[in-house]
N, C-alpha and C. Protein backbone atom coordinates (compact mmCIF):
# COMPACT_ATOMS: atom_id res chain seq x y z
N UNK A 1 -35.80 -26.75 -64.52
CA UNK A 1 -34.37 -26.95 -64.65
C UNK A 1 -34.03 -28.43 -64.81
N UNK A 2 -34.81 -29.28 -64.14
CA UNK A 2 -34.58 -30.72 -64.31
C UNK A 2 -34.92 -31.16 -65.73
N UNK A 3 -35.97 -30.59 -66.30
CA UNK A 3 -36.40 -30.98 -67.65
C UNK A 3 -35.47 -30.40 -68.71
N UNK A 4 -35.17 -29.11 -68.60
CA UNK A 4 -34.39 -28.43 -69.65
C UNK A 4 -32.88 -28.58 -69.49
N UNK A 5 -32.44 -28.93 -68.30
CA UNK A 5 -31.02 -29.07 -67.98
C UNK A 5 -30.25 -27.76 -68.07
N UNK A 6 -30.96 -26.63 -68.00
CA UNK A 6 -30.32 -25.33 -67.93
C UNK A 6 -31.00 -24.51 -66.84
N UNK A 7 -30.29 -23.54 -66.26
CA UNK A 7 -30.91 -22.71 -65.21
C UNK A 7 -32.16 -22.01 -65.73
N UNK A 8 -33.14 -21.85 -64.85
CA UNK A 8 -34.43 -21.26 -65.20
C UNK A 8 -34.26 -19.89 -65.86
N UNK A 9 -33.40 -19.03 -65.28
CA UNK A 9 -33.22 -17.69 -65.83
C UNK A 9 -32.59 -17.74 -67.22
N UNK A 10 -31.70 -18.71 -67.48
CA UNK A 10 -31.12 -18.87 -68.82
C UNK A 10 -32.20 -19.32 -69.81
N UNK A 11 -33.10 -20.20 -69.36
CA UNK A 11 -34.20 -20.65 -70.21
C UNK A 11 -35.09 -19.47 -70.59
N UNK A 12 -35.44 -18.65 -69.60
CA UNK A 12 -36.28 -17.48 -69.88
C UNK A 12 -35.63 -16.58 -70.92
N UNK A 13 -34.35 -16.32 -70.74
CA UNK A 13 -33.64 -15.43 -71.67
C UNK A 13 -33.62 -16.03 -73.08
N UNK A 14 -33.28 -17.31 -73.19
CA UNK A 14 -33.12 -17.95 -74.50
C UNK A 14 -34.45 -18.15 -75.23
N UNK A 15 -35.50 -18.55 -74.51
CA UNK A 15 -36.75 -18.95 -75.16
C UNK A 15 -37.89 -17.94 -75.04
N UNK A 16 -37.75 -16.95 -74.16
CA UNK A 16 -38.81 -15.97 -74.00
C UNK A 16 -38.30 -14.56 -74.30
N UNK A 17 -37.36 -14.07 -73.50
CA UNK A 17 -36.93 -12.68 -73.62
C UNK A 17 -36.30 -12.36 -74.97
N UNK A 18 -35.33 -13.15 -75.40
CA UNK A 18 -34.64 -12.86 -76.67
C UNK A 18 -35.57 -12.99 -77.88
N UNK A 19 -36.32 -14.10 -78.02
CA UNK A 19 -37.23 -14.17 -79.18
C UNK A 19 -38.28 -13.07 -79.21
N UNK A 20 -38.69 -12.58 -78.05
CA UNK A 20 -39.70 -11.52 -77.99
C UNK A 20 -39.09 -10.13 -78.15
N UNK A 21 -37.76 -10.04 -78.17
CA UNK A 21 -37.11 -8.74 -78.28
C UNK A 21 -37.13 -7.95 -76.98
N UNK A 22 -37.25 -8.66 -75.86
CA UNK A 22 -37.33 -8.02 -74.55
C UNK A 22 -35.92 -7.75 -74.04
N UNK A 23 -35.46 -6.50 -74.18
CA UNK A 23 -34.09 -6.15 -73.83
C UNK A 23 -33.97 -5.51 -72.45
N UNK A 24 -35.09 -5.28 -71.78
CA UNK A 24 -35.07 -4.63 -70.47
C UNK A 24 -35.75 -5.48 -69.40
N UNK A 25 -35.72 -6.78 -69.56
CA UNK A 25 -36.32 -7.69 -68.59
C UNK A 25 -35.22 -8.59 -68.05
N UNK A 26 -35.11 -8.63 -66.72
CA UNK A 26 -34.01 -9.34 -66.08
C UNK A 26 -34.47 -9.99 -64.78
N UNK A 27 -33.77 -11.05 -64.36
CA UNK A 27 -33.95 -11.49 -62.97
C UNK A 27 -33.33 -10.41 -62.08
N UNK A 28 -33.99 -10.10 -60.99
CA UNK A 28 -33.49 -9.02 -60.13
C UNK A 28 -32.63 -9.58 -59.01
N UNK A 29 -31.37 -9.22 -59.08
CA UNK A 29 -30.44 -9.46 -57.99
C UNK A 29 -30.13 -8.09 -57.41
N UNK A 30 -30.43 -7.87 -56.13
CA UNK A 30 -30.29 -6.54 -55.54
C UNK A 30 -28.88 -5.98 -55.65
N UNK A 31 -27.88 -6.84 -55.66
CA UNK A 31 -26.51 -6.34 -55.71
C UNK A 31 -26.12 -5.84 -57.10
N UNK A 32 -26.83 -6.31 -58.14
CA UNK A 32 -26.51 -5.88 -59.50
C UNK A 32 -26.96 -4.44 -59.73
N UNK A 33 -26.15 -3.70 -60.48
CA UNK A 33 -26.52 -2.36 -60.89
C UNK A 33 -27.32 -2.51 -62.19
N UNK A 34 -28.54 -2.07 -62.18
CA UNK A 34 -29.40 -2.13 -63.36
C UNK A 34 -29.80 -0.70 -63.69
N UNK A 35 -29.38 -0.26 -64.86
CA UNK A 35 -29.64 1.11 -65.30
C UNK A 35 -31.14 1.39 -65.29
N UNK A 36 -31.50 2.54 -64.74
CA UNK A 36 -32.89 3.02 -64.69
C UNK A 36 -33.82 2.16 -63.84
N UNK A 37 -33.28 1.35 -62.94
CA UNK A 37 -34.14 0.55 -62.06
C UNK A 37 -34.90 1.49 -61.13
N UNK A 38 -36.19 1.30 -61.05
CA UNK A 38 -37.03 2.13 -60.18
C UNK A 38 -36.86 1.71 -58.72
N UNK A 39 -37.07 2.65 -57.84
CA UNK A 39 -37.08 2.37 -56.41
C UNK A 39 -38.53 2.22 -55.97
N UNK A 40 -38.76 1.34 -55.01
CA UNK A 40 -40.11 1.13 -54.51
C UNK A 40 -40.41 2.00 -53.31
N UNK A 41 -41.66 2.45 -53.23
CA UNK A 41 -42.09 3.31 -52.14
C UNK A 41 -43.38 2.78 -51.55
N UNK A 42 -43.65 3.19 -50.34
CA UNK A 42 -44.91 2.89 -49.67
C UNK A 42 -45.34 4.16 -48.95
N UNK A 43 -46.59 4.21 -48.55
CA UNK A 43 -47.03 5.34 -47.73
C UNK A 43 -47.17 4.86 -46.29
N UNK A 44 -46.68 5.69 -45.37
CA UNK A 44 -46.75 5.32 -43.96
C UNK A 44 -48.13 5.68 -43.39
N UNK A 45 -48.30 5.50 -42.10
CA UNK A 45 -49.61 5.74 -41.49
C UNK A 45 -50.05 7.21 -41.59
N UNK A 46 -49.09 8.11 -41.85
CA UNK A 46 -49.40 9.54 -41.99
C UNK A 46 -49.58 9.92 -43.47
N UNK A 47 -49.63 8.89 -44.35
CA UNK A 47 -49.81 9.06 -45.79
C UNK A 47 -48.63 9.76 -46.45
N UNK A 48 -47.46 9.65 -45.85
CA UNK A 48 -46.22 10.21 -46.41
C UNK A 48 -45.44 9.09 -47.07
N UNK A 49 -44.80 9.42 -48.20
CA UNK A 49 -43.99 8.42 -48.89
C UNK A 49 -42.74 8.09 -48.09
N UNK A 50 -42.39 6.80 -48.12
CA UNK A 50 -41.11 6.36 -47.57
C UNK A 50 -40.60 5.20 -48.41
N UNK A 51 -39.32 4.94 -48.31
CA UNK A 51 -38.74 3.82 -49.06
C UNK A 51 -39.34 2.51 -48.60
N UNK A 52 -39.68 1.68 -49.55
CA UNK A 52 -40.17 0.33 -49.23
C UNK A 52 -38.96 -0.52 -48.84
N UNK A 53 -39.15 -1.49 -47.96
CA UNK A 53 -38.04 -2.36 -47.61
C UNK A 53 -37.62 -3.21 -48.81
N UNK A 54 -36.34 -3.51 -48.89
CA UNK A 54 -35.85 -4.37 -49.96
C UNK A 54 -36.34 -5.79 -49.73
N UNK A 55 -36.63 -6.48 -50.80
CA UNK A 55 -37.09 -7.85 -50.72
C UNK A 55 -36.33 -8.67 -51.75
N UNK A 56 -35.59 -9.67 -51.31
CA UNK A 56 -34.80 -10.51 -52.21
C UNK A 56 -35.66 -11.67 -52.71
N UNK A 57 -36.08 -11.61 -53.96
CA UNK A 57 -36.90 -12.66 -54.54
C UNK A 57 -36.10 -13.60 -55.43
N UNK A 58 -34.78 -13.52 -55.37
CA UNK A 58 -33.95 -14.34 -56.25
C UNK A 58 -34.06 -15.84 -55.95
N UNK A 59 -34.63 -16.19 -54.82
CA UNK A 59 -34.80 -17.61 -54.50
C UNK A 59 -36.01 -18.21 -55.20
N UNK A 60 -36.86 -17.36 -55.77
CA UNK A 60 -38.08 -17.87 -56.38
C UNK A 60 -38.43 -17.12 -57.67
N UNK A 61 -37.52 -17.13 -58.64
CA UNK A 61 -37.76 -16.40 -59.88
C UNK A 61 -39.03 -16.87 -60.60
N UNK A 62 -39.41 -18.10 -60.47
CA UNK A 62 -40.63 -18.57 -61.13
C UNK A 62 -41.88 -17.95 -60.53
N UNK A 63 -41.78 -17.41 -59.32
CA UNK A 63 -42.93 -16.79 -58.67
C UNK A 63 -42.73 -15.32 -58.40
N UNK A 64 -41.76 -14.70 -59.02
CA UNK A 64 -41.48 -13.28 -58.80
C UNK A 64 -40.00 -13.03 -58.96
N UNK A 65 -39.59 -11.81 -58.81
CA UNK A 65 -38.17 -11.49 -58.86
C UNK A 65 -37.67 -11.10 -60.24
N UNK A 66 -38.56 -10.93 -61.21
CA UNK A 66 -38.16 -10.43 -62.51
C UNK A 66 -38.54 -8.97 -62.59
N UNK A 67 -37.68 -8.18 -63.22
CA UNK A 67 -38.01 -6.77 -63.43
C UNK A 67 -38.08 -6.50 -64.92
N UNK A 68 -38.93 -5.55 -65.27
CA UNK A 68 -39.15 -5.27 -66.68
C UNK A 68 -39.62 -3.83 -66.83
N UNK A 69 -40.06 -3.49 -68.03
CA UNK A 69 -40.67 -2.19 -68.27
C UNK A 69 -41.90 -2.39 -69.15
N UNK A 70 -42.66 -1.32 -69.35
CA UNK A 70 -43.91 -1.45 -70.11
C UNK A 70 -43.66 -1.89 -71.54
N UNK A 71 -42.62 -1.37 -72.16
CA UNK A 71 -42.33 -1.73 -73.56
C UNK A 71 -42.09 -3.22 -73.70
N UNK A 72 -41.28 -3.80 -72.83
CA UNK A 72 -40.99 -5.24 -72.90
C UNK A 72 -42.24 -6.07 -72.62
N UNK A 73 -43.05 -5.65 -71.67
CA UNK A 73 -44.27 -6.41 -71.38
C UNK A 73 -45.25 -6.37 -72.54
N UNK A 74 -45.30 -5.24 -73.25
CA UNK A 74 -46.14 -5.18 -74.45
C UNK A 74 -45.57 -6.04 -75.57
N UNK A 75 -44.25 -6.13 -75.67
CA UNK A 75 -43.63 -7.04 -76.65
C UNK A 75 -44.01 -8.48 -76.33
N UNK A 76 -43.98 -8.84 -75.05
CA UNK A 76 -44.37 -10.18 -74.62
C UNK A 76 -45.82 -10.45 -74.99
N UNK A 77 -46.71 -9.49 -74.70
CA UNK A 77 -48.13 -9.64 -75.03
C UNK A 77 -48.32 -9.82 -76.53
N UNK A 78 -47.60 -9.05 -77.31
CA UNK A 78 -47.69 -9.14 -78.77
C UNK A 78 -47.30 -10.54 -79.25
N UNK A 79 -46.23 -11.07 -78.69
CA UNK A 79 -45.79 -12.42 -79.08
C UNK A 79 -46.79 -13.48 -78.66
N UNK A 80 -47.40 -13.31 -77.51
CA UNK A 80 -48.44 -14.26 -77.09
C UNK A 80 -49.62 -14.23 -78.05
N UNK A 81 -50.04 -13.02 -78.42
CA UNK A 81 -51.20 -12.90 -79.30
C UNK A 81 -50.90 -13.39 -80.72
N UNK A 82 -49.64 -13.29 -81.15
CA UNK A 82 -49.24 -13.74 -82.48
C UNK A 82 -48.87 -15.21 -82.53
N UNK A 83 -48.82 -15.87 -81.38
CA UNK A 83 -48.42 -17.27 -81.33
C UNK A 83 -46.94 -17.48 -81.59
N UNK A 84 -46.11 -16.45 -81.40
CA UNK A 84 -44.67 -16.56 -81.68
C UNK A 84 -43.91 -17.25 -80.55
N UNK A 85 -44.39 -17.16 -79.33
CA UNK A 85 -43.68 -17.77 -78.20
C UNK A 85 -44.29 -19.09 -77.79
N UNK A 86 -45.59 -19.16 -77.86
CA UNK A 86 -46.32 -20.31 -77.33
C UNK A 86 -47.42 -20.66 -78.32
N UNK A 87 -47.60 -21.94 -78.57
CA UNK A 87 -48.69 -22.38 -79.45
C UNK A 87 -50.03 -21.96 -78.84
N UNK A 88 -50.99 -21.69 -79.69
CA UNK A 88 -52.31 -21.28 -79.22
C UNK A 88 -52.90 -22.32 -78.28
N UNK A 89 -52.73 -23.61 -78.57
CA UNK A 89 -53.28 -24.65 -77.70
C UNK A 89 -52.63 -24.62 -76.32
N UNK A 90 -51.33 -24.34 -76.27
CA UNK A 90 -50.63 -24.23 -74.99
C UNK A 90 -51.10 -22.99 -74.24
N UNK A 91 -51.29 -21.90 -74.96
CA UNK A 91 -51.78 -20.67 -74.33
C UNK A 91 -53.17 -20.90 -73.73
N UNK A 92 -54.01 -21.65 -74.43
CA UNK A 92 -55.34 -21.96 -73.90
C UNK A 92 -55.24 -22.73 -72.59
N UNK A 93 -54.30 -23.66 -72.50
CA UNK A 93 -54.09 -24.41 -71.25
C UNK A 93 -53.58 -23.48 -70.16
N UNK A 94 -52.65 -22.58 -70.52
CA UNK A 94 -52.06 -21.66 -69.54
C UNK A 94 -53.06 -20.69 -68.96
N UNK A 95 -54.08 -20.36 -69.72
CA UNK A 95 -55.00 -19.31 -69.29
C UNK A 95 -56.32 -19.84 -68.76
N UNK A 96 -56.42 -21.15 -68.60
CA UNK A 96 -57.58 -21.73 -67.94
C UNK A 96 -58.83 -21.70 -68.79
N UNK A 97 -59.99 -21.89 -68.23
CA UNK A 97 -60.22 -22.13 -66.80
C UNK A 97 -59.78 -23.53 -66.37
N UNK A 98 -59.66 -23.70 -65.07
CA UNK A 98 -59.23 -24.96 -64.49
C UNK A 98 -60.34 -25.48 -63.58
N UNK A 99 -60.62 -26.76 -63.67
CA UNK A 99 -61.60 -27.37 -62.79
C UNK A 99 -60.87 -28.17 -61.71
N UNK A 100 -61.12 -27.83 -60.46
CA UNK A 100 -60.50 -28.53 -59.34
C UNK A 100 -61.17 -29.88 -59.14
N UNK A 101 -60.54 -30.74 -58.34
CA UNK A 101 -61.10 -32.07 -58.07
C UNK A 101 -62.50 -31.99 -57.45
N UNK A 102 -62.74 -30.92 -56.69
CA UNK A 102 -64.06 -30.78 -56.05
C UNK A 102 -65.11 -30.19 -56.99
N UNK A 103 -64.72 -29.94 -58.26
CA UNK A 103 -65.65 -29.42 -59.25
C UNK A 103 -65.66 -27.90 -59.38
N UNK A 104 -65.00 -27.22 -58.45
CA UNK A 104 -64.93 -25.76 -58.53
C UNK A 104 -64.12 -25.34 -59.75
N UNK A 105 -64.64 -24.37 -60.51
CA UNK A 105 -63.97 -23.86 -61.70
C UNK A 105 -63.29 -22.54 -61.35
N UNK A 106 -61.99 -22.45 -61.66
CA UNK A 106 -61.22 -21.23 -61.41
C UNK A 106 -60.80 -20.61 -62.73
N UNK A 107 -60.77 -19.31 -62.77
CA UNK A 107 -60.27 -18.59 -63.94
C UNK A 107 -58.80 -18.28 -63.79
N UNK A 108 -58.04 -19.21 -63.21
CA UNK A 108 -56.60 -19.00 -63.00
C UNK A 108 -55.88 -20.28 -63.34
N UNK A 109 -54.82 -20.15 -64.15
CA UNK A 109 -54.07 -21.34 -64.52
C UNK A 109 -52.66 -20.95 -64.92
N UNK A 110 -51.67 -21.60 -64.38
CA UNK A 110 -50.27 -21.42 -64.76
C UNK A 110 -49.83 -19.96 -64.85
N UNK A 111 -50.20 -19.16 -63.87
CA UNK A 111 -49.73 -17.79 -63.79
C UNK A 111 -50.64 -16.75 -64.39
N UNK A 112 -51.64 -17.16 -65.13
CA UNK A 112 -52.55 -16.21 -65.77
C UNK A 112 -53.96 -16.39 -65.24
N UNK A 113 -54.65 -15.27 -65.06
CA UNK A 113 -56.08 -15.29 -64.78
C UNK A 113 -56.79 -15.02 -66.09
N UNK A 114 -57.99 -15.51 -66.20
CA UNK A 114 -58.78 -15.25 -67.40
C UNK A 114 -60.21 -14.99 -67.00
N UNK A 115 -60.92 -14.38 -67.88
CA UNK A 115 -62.32 -14.10 -67.60
C UNK A 115 -62.91 -13.24 -68.69
N UNK A 116 -64.06 -12.67 -68.38
CA UNK A 116 -64.73 -11.74 -69.29
C UNK A 116 -65.01 -10.47 -68.51
N UNK A 117 -64.78 -9.35 -69.16
CA UNK A 117 -65.02 -8.08 -68.49
C UNK A 117 -66.51 -7.73 -68.55
N UNK A 118 -66.88 -6.56 -68.04
CA UNK A 118 -68.29 -6.21 -67.99
C UNK A 118 -68.90 -5.97 -69.38
N UNK A 119 -68.07 -5.90 -70.42
CA UNK A 119 -68.56 -5.83 -71.80
C UNK A 119 -68.54 -7.20 -72.47
N UNK A 120 -68.28 -8.25 -71.68
CA UNK A 120 -68.27 -9.66 -72.13
C UNK A 120 -67.09 -9.97 -73.06
N UNK A 121 -66.02 -9.18 -72.98
CA UNK A 121 -64.82 -9.43 -73.78
C UNK A 121 -63.88 -10.35 -73.01
N UNK A 122 -63.35 -11.35 -73.69
CA UNK A 122 -62.42 -12.30 -73.08
C UNK A 122 -61.07 -11.62 -72.85
N UNK A 123 -60.49 -11.85 -71.66
CA UNK A 123 -59.17 -11.31 -71.36
C UNK A 123 -58.34 -12.35 -70.62
N UNK A 124 -57.03 -12.15 -70.67
CA UNK A 124 -56.09 -12.88 -69.82
C UNK A 124 -55.22 -11.83 -69.14
N UNK A 125 -54.82 -12.12 -67.93
CA UNK A 125 -54.09 -11.10 -67.18
C UNK A 125 -53.13 -11.75 -66.19
N UNK A 126 -52.11 -11.00 -65.84
CA UNK A 126 -51.22 -11.40 -64.76
C UNK A 126 -50.85 -10.13 -64.01
N UNK A 127 -51.04 -10.17 -62.72
CA UNK A 127 -50.71 -9.01 -61.89
C UNK A 127 -49.66 -9.42 -60.87
N UNK A 128 -49.02 -8.42 -60.33
CA UNK A 128 -48.02 -8.68 -59.31
C UNK A 128 -47.93 -7.52 -58.35
N UNK A 129 -47.45 -7.81 -57.18
CA UNK A 129 -47.18 -6.74 -56.22
C UNK A 129 -46.11 -7.23 -55.27
N UNK A 130 -45.40 -6.30 -54.77
CA UNK A 130 -44.34 -6.62 -53.83
C UNK A 130 -44.08 -5.41 -52.96
N UNK A 131 -42.96 -5.41 -52.31
CA UNK A 131 -42.64 -4.29 -51.44
C UNK A 131 -42.33 -3.07 -52.30
N UNK A 132 -43.31 -2.18 -52.40
CA UNK A 132 -43.11 -0.93 -53.12
C UNK A 132 -43.49 -0.95 -54.58
N UNK A 133 -44.09 -2.03 -55.08
CA UNK A 133 -44.42 -2.11 -56.51
C UNK A 133 -45.75 -2.80 -56.73
N UNK A 134 -46.44 -2.38 -57.80
CA UNK A 134 -47.69 -3.00 -58.23
C UNK A 134 -47.66 -3.02 -59.75
N UNK A 135 -48.12 -4.13 -60.35
CA UNK A 135 -48.10 -4.22 -61.81
C UNK A 135 -49.26 -5.06 -62.32
N UNK A 136 -49.56 -4.88 -63.61
CA UNK A 136 -50.57 -5.69 -64.26
C UNK A 136 -50.34 -5.69 -65.76
N UNK A 137 -50.46 -6.85 -66.36
CA UNK A 137 -50.47 -7.03 -67.81
C UNK A 137 -51.84 -7.59 -68.14
N UNK A 138 -52.59 -6.87 -68.96
CA UNK A 138 -53.95 -7.25 -69.33
C UNK A 138 -54.01 -7.39 -70.84
N UNK A 139 -54.42 -8.57 -71.31
CA UNK A 139 -54.43 -8.86 -72.75
C UNK A 139 -55.84 -9.25 -73.17
N UNK A 140 -56.31 -8.60 -74.23
CA UNK A 140 -57.56 -8.96 -74.88
C UNK A 140 -57.19 -9.60 -76.22
N UNK A 141 -57.00 -10.93 -76.24
CA UNK A 141 -56.49 -11.57 -77.46
C UNK A 141 -57.42 -11.45 -78.65
N UNK A 142 -58.73 -11.46 -78.45
CA UNK A 142 -59.67 -11.37 -79.57
C UNK A 142 -59.67 -9.97 -80.20
N UNK A 143 -59.36 -8.96 -79.42
CA UNK A 143 -59.29 -7.59 -79.92
C UNK A 143 -57.86 -7.21 -80.31
N UNK A 144 -56.92 -8.12 -80.06
CA UNK A 144 -55.49 -7.87 -80.29
C UNK A 144 -55.08 -6.55 -79.62
N UNK A 145 -55.29 -6.52 -78.31
CA UNK A 145 -55.06 -5.31 -77.55
C UNK A 145 -54.50 -5.68 -76.18
N UNK A 146 -53.53 -4.89 -75.71
CA UNK A 146 -52.94 -5.16 -74.40
C UNK A 146 -52.71 -3.86 -73.65
N UNK A 147 -52.76 -3.95 -72.33
CA UNK A 147 -52.55 -2.82 -71.44
C UNK A 147 -51.57 -3.24 -70.36
N UNK A 148 -50.70 -2.32 -69.97
CA UNK A 148 -49.72 -2.59 -68.92
C UNK A 148 -49.68 -1.39 -67.99
N UNK A 149 -49.58 -1.66 -66.71
CA UNK A 149 -49.20 -0.57 -65.80
C UNK A 149 -48.18 -1.10 -64.82
N UNK A 150 -47.25 -0.23 -64.48
CA UNK A 150 -46.21 -0.50 -63.48
C UNK A 150 -46.17 0.72 -62.57
N UNK A 151 -46.36 0.51 -61.29
CA UNK A 151 -46.38 1.61 -60.33
C UNK A 151 -45.35 1.29 -59.25
N UNK A 152 -44.52 2.27 -58.93
CA UNK A 152 -43.49 2.02 -57.93
C UNK A 152 -43.86 2.58 -56.56
N UNK A 153 -45.13 2.48 -56.24
CA UNK A 153 -45.61 2.76 -54.89
C UNK A 153 -46.76 1.81 -54.61
N UNK A 154 -46.59 1.01 -53.59
CA UNK A 154 -47.68 0.10 -53.22
C UNK A 154 -48.68 0.90 -52.40
N UNK A 155 -49.88 1.01 -52.93
CA UNK A 155 -50.93 1.82 -52.33
C UNK A 155 -52.20 1.00 -52.34
N UNK A 156 -52.79 0.80 -51.20
CA UNK A 156 -53.98 -0.04 -51.11
C UNK A 156 -55.18 0.54 -51.85
N UNK A 157 -55.21 1.83 -52.07
CA UNK A 157 -56.39 2.44 -52.67
C UNK A 157 -56.37 2.44 -54.21
N UNK A 158 -55.30 1.95 -54.81
CA UNK A 158 -55.26 1.93 -56.28
C UNK A 158 -56.33 1.00 -56.83
N UNK A 159 -57.02 1.48 -57.84
CA UNK A 159 -57.88 0.59 -58.60
C UNK A 159 -56.99 0.02 -59.70
N UNK A 160 -57.53 -0.77 -60.59
CA UNK A 160 -56.74 -1.39 -61.63
C UNK A 160 -56.75 -0.51 -62.88
N UNK A 161 -55.68 0.28 -63.11
CA UNK A 161 -55.68 1.17 -64.27
C UNK A 161 -55.78 0.44 -65.61
N UNK A 162 -55.28 -0.78 -65.69
CA UNK A 162 -55.37 -1.53 -66.96
C UNK A 162 -56.83 -1.77 -67.33
N UNK A 163 -57.62 -2.22 -66.39
CA UNK A 163 -59.05 -2.44 -66.66
C UNK A 163 -59.78 -1.11 -66.90
N UNK A 164 -59.35 -0.07 -66.20
CA UNK A 164 -59.98 1.24 -66.42
C UNK A 164 -59.72 1.73 -67.85
N UNK A 165 -58.49 1.58 -68.35
CA UNK A 165 -58.17 1.95 -69.72
C UNK A 165 -58.95 1.11 -70.72
N UNK A 166 -59.03 -0.18 -70.46
CA UNK A 166 -59.72 -1.10 -71.38
C UNK A 166 -61.20 -0.78 -71.46
N UNK A 167 -61.77 -0.19 -70.42
CA UNK A 167 -63.20 0.09 -70.42
C UNK A 167 -63.55 1.32 -71.27
N UNK A 168 -62.55 2.08 -71.67
CA UNK A 168 -62.82 3.31 -72.44
C UNK A 168 -63.24 2.98 -73.88
């Protein structure tokens, strides 16, 4: 906001959501009525579903608090792979790897993890979880392929469906 001189959410809308054609991605304010917004669930100690507690993430939109759907996330992935939103050189910086001062190399940089799957294919990914929700966007830029899952129940036993689909 200091650099752009506009609110962060306005920047996202103007430079990311609108150019990518993302019409169902918004900052989440709990008081706002958002058509078709999913409710979050959790399982209690008896393995029964119950409502997840509400969590207000509007104080930290850069680290969470955005809601979307699979179609919009695939539009975002498509724009990343086509270089429409971000230059390829910038995307390379965003997706790491990063070397720490102590020499340790991490496959995480600026919100994205990167690596190679068990078939040695390069991927970039971003996952999220919160009270009642789990998500993942998995992109294979060399194969021009992306996978998304959004689940409205936080369950510790879930494996990563995006990687499972990609392995097929």
